């Protein structure tokens, strides 16, 4: 591991299935964000101006019908991230490019307000971070998520958020009023409480301890919060399910959910390479158990099975999660957000 690229999850640029060219970045950079380790590959930002910002996925496996992703690519560098292959559509690699070349949708707030003002818009819950984290490091500079949450408060449109970054607490002045109107819920993603594992698996994320503290702060501010223990990776973090849910319950979580890891597209060779470098002693077992959850394959694209897997091992994971929820979250349930308060013109002041 002498040439291991610290501060990054992927260790190389996987081939782009849409491109005949391939290159490896080698630029060092002094990191600005003191909350995260210094990466050995330079982060670059590309400003984009899409024509629309609300996506409407059709998958029956996800619990939302509309989502917003102000950033494409993610500096968190989670090696297992299912969103990595989407970077290929931009002409980049799902590997190092995904976490070091970030697309910034600068006109996202303007597009969202245009949608809210459209006569054809029907109010519904908008999910932030359906693909990449809306509170990744770039948000400190660009504040696109904050601007759009302010618009959701102004127009009284409900939002759900999933993040693994404590930066969300910066926006408590917006989230608390949204919560008072039953217009927001938050999921904090906590994959592992093992710091040694987190540092190599999710290199530019905050610690699990900070995430639990974030969960508690949101709860005390009246913001409904839950935990997403995802993804569950056999022989790496599956045994942590009960403890993570217990700690989340202690911080006020009202629900818990999970997914089983699936290595779609370029994620498979990236994850396999990472696994062989970081956990060579158990690599074969981990990959075999992942395949066992997906009909013998590392990836499963089938609706209704791809998120939770199937087979004996997937069943054991489901049972462990269910029993943990029964033990630590009994009597608690997710908040049902309202769409009845939407104001088409956003007439009143922001915090009225």
Foldseek 3Di string as FASTA:
>chain_A
DVPQWFLAQFRFFDDQPVDPDGDGAQQADADDDPQADGTRGAAAEAEDADPAFWDADDFPQDDDGIEGEQKFAAQLRQLQAPLLNVVSVVVGGSGPCSNRYMYGNLCHLVRLLVLLQDPPRDADEYEYQPHHANPGPCCVPRVPVLSNLLVCLLQVGAYEYEHQALCVVVNLVSQLLNLVQLRYAYEHEDQAQDPVVCCNRRVTGHHPVSSLVSLLVCVVSNHAYAYENPEDFPPPRLVCLLVSRQSNLVSPHQDYYYFHGAQPDPSVVRVLVSCCVPPVVCSVVRQQVCCQQAVNHSAHPDRPRRGQGDDDVSVVSVVVNVVSCCVRNPPGDGRDGDRVRGHSVSPDDSSD
